[in-house]
Protein backbone atom coordinates (compact mmCIF):
# COMPACT_ATOMS: atom_id res chain seq x y z
CA MET A 1 -10.39 -8.74 5.06
CA ALA A 2 -9.47 -6.33 2.22
CA TYR A 3 -6.83 -3.58 2.50
CA PHE A 4 -6.18 -0.54 0.35
CA ARG A 5 -2.93 -0.98 -1.59
CA ALA A 6 -2.74 1.76 -4.26
CA PRO A 7 -5.02 4.13 -6.24
CA GLY A 8 -5.03 1.72 -9.21
CA GLU A 9 -4.82 4.16 -12.09
CA ILE A 10 -1.75 2.44 -13.55
CA LEU A 11 -1.53 -1.35 -13.36
CA ASP A 12 0.53 -4.08 -14.88
CA PHE A 13 -1.18 -6.10 -17.61
CA THR A 14 0.02 -8.87 -19.91
CA ALA A 15 0.12 -7.83 -23.57
CA PRO A 16 -2.45 -9.70 -25.66
CA SER A 17 -1.93 -11.42 -28.99
CA GLY A 18 -0.03 -9.08 -31.29
CA GLY A 19 1.39 -7.09 -28.39
CA VAL A 20 0.65 -3.45 -27.54
CA THR A 21 1.99 -0.11 -28.83
CA VAL A 22 2.56 2.87 -26.59
CA GLY A 23 -0.13 5.53 -26.95
CA LEU A 24 -2.94 3.24 -28.04
CA PHE A 25 -5.96 1.87 -26.14
CA TYR A 26 -6.61 -1.86 -25.62
CA LEU A 27 -9.43 -3.84 -24.11
CA ILE A 28 -7.87 -6.23 -21.58
CA GLY A 29 -10.72 -8.35 -20.21
CA ALA A 30 -13.33 -5.78 -19.21
CA ALA A 31 -10.79 -2.97 -18.69
CA LEU A 32 -10.06 -0.35 -21.36
CA VAL A 33 -6.40 0.60 -20.82
CA PHE A 34 -3.95 3.05 -22.38
CA ALA A 35 -0.55 1.49 -23.07
CA ASN A 36 2.25 3.40 -21.36
CA ALA A 37 4.87 1.29 -23.13
CA THR A 38 5.24 -0.95 -26.16
CA ALA A 39 5.32 -4.69 -25.34
CA ALA A 40 5.38 -7.92 -27.25
CA GLU A 41 2.69 -10.52 -26.78
CA GLY A 42 2.85 -12.10 -23.34
CA VAL A 43 5.09 -9.36 -21.84
CA LYS A 44 3.96 -7.20 -18.91
CA PHE A 45 3.25 -3.52 -19.66
CA ALA A 46 1.95 -0.55 -17.67
CA GLY A 47 -1.65 0.21 -18.54
CA VAL A 48 -3.42 3.37 -17.46
CA ARG A 49 -7.05 2.75 -16.50
CA LYS A 50 -8.15 6.24 -15.52
CA GLY A 51 -7.36 9.78 -16.58
CA MET A 52 -7.60 12.30 -19.40
CA PHE A 53 -5.91 11.59 -22.68
CA ALA A 54 -5.27 13.71 -25.79
CA VAL A 55 -5.53 11.55 -28.92
CA ALA A 56 -5.54 12.27 -32.63
CA ALA A 57 -8.82 11.73 -34.40
CA LYS A 58 -8.96 9.26 -37.27
CA ALA A 59 -8.35 11.05 -40.54
CA THR A 60 -10.68 9.57 -43.11
CA GLY A 61 -14.05 11.14 -42.43
CA SER A 62 -14.48 9.73 -38.96
CA ALA A 63 -16.44 11.93 -36.63
CA TRP A 64 -16.17 11.27 -32.94
CA THR A 65 -19.26 11.72 -30.81
CA GLU A 66 -19.50 12.24 -27.09
CA GLY A 67 -18.34 9.11 -25.26
CA ALA A 68 -16.61 7.63 -28.32
């Protein structure tokens, strides 16, 4: 039987090859997560799976479209 444990917006993930940098998005398996902390490869970090984020657009002529 399954039981509810937590909302699941912030979970612990293991940093992939090259590590993670706070404030950037990473694809961990099938989950797109926002790094809440900087972590070296193989170290656990808090990844946010759900929410609203304010990010800077890429500078060099990149135009973001809906859903990008």
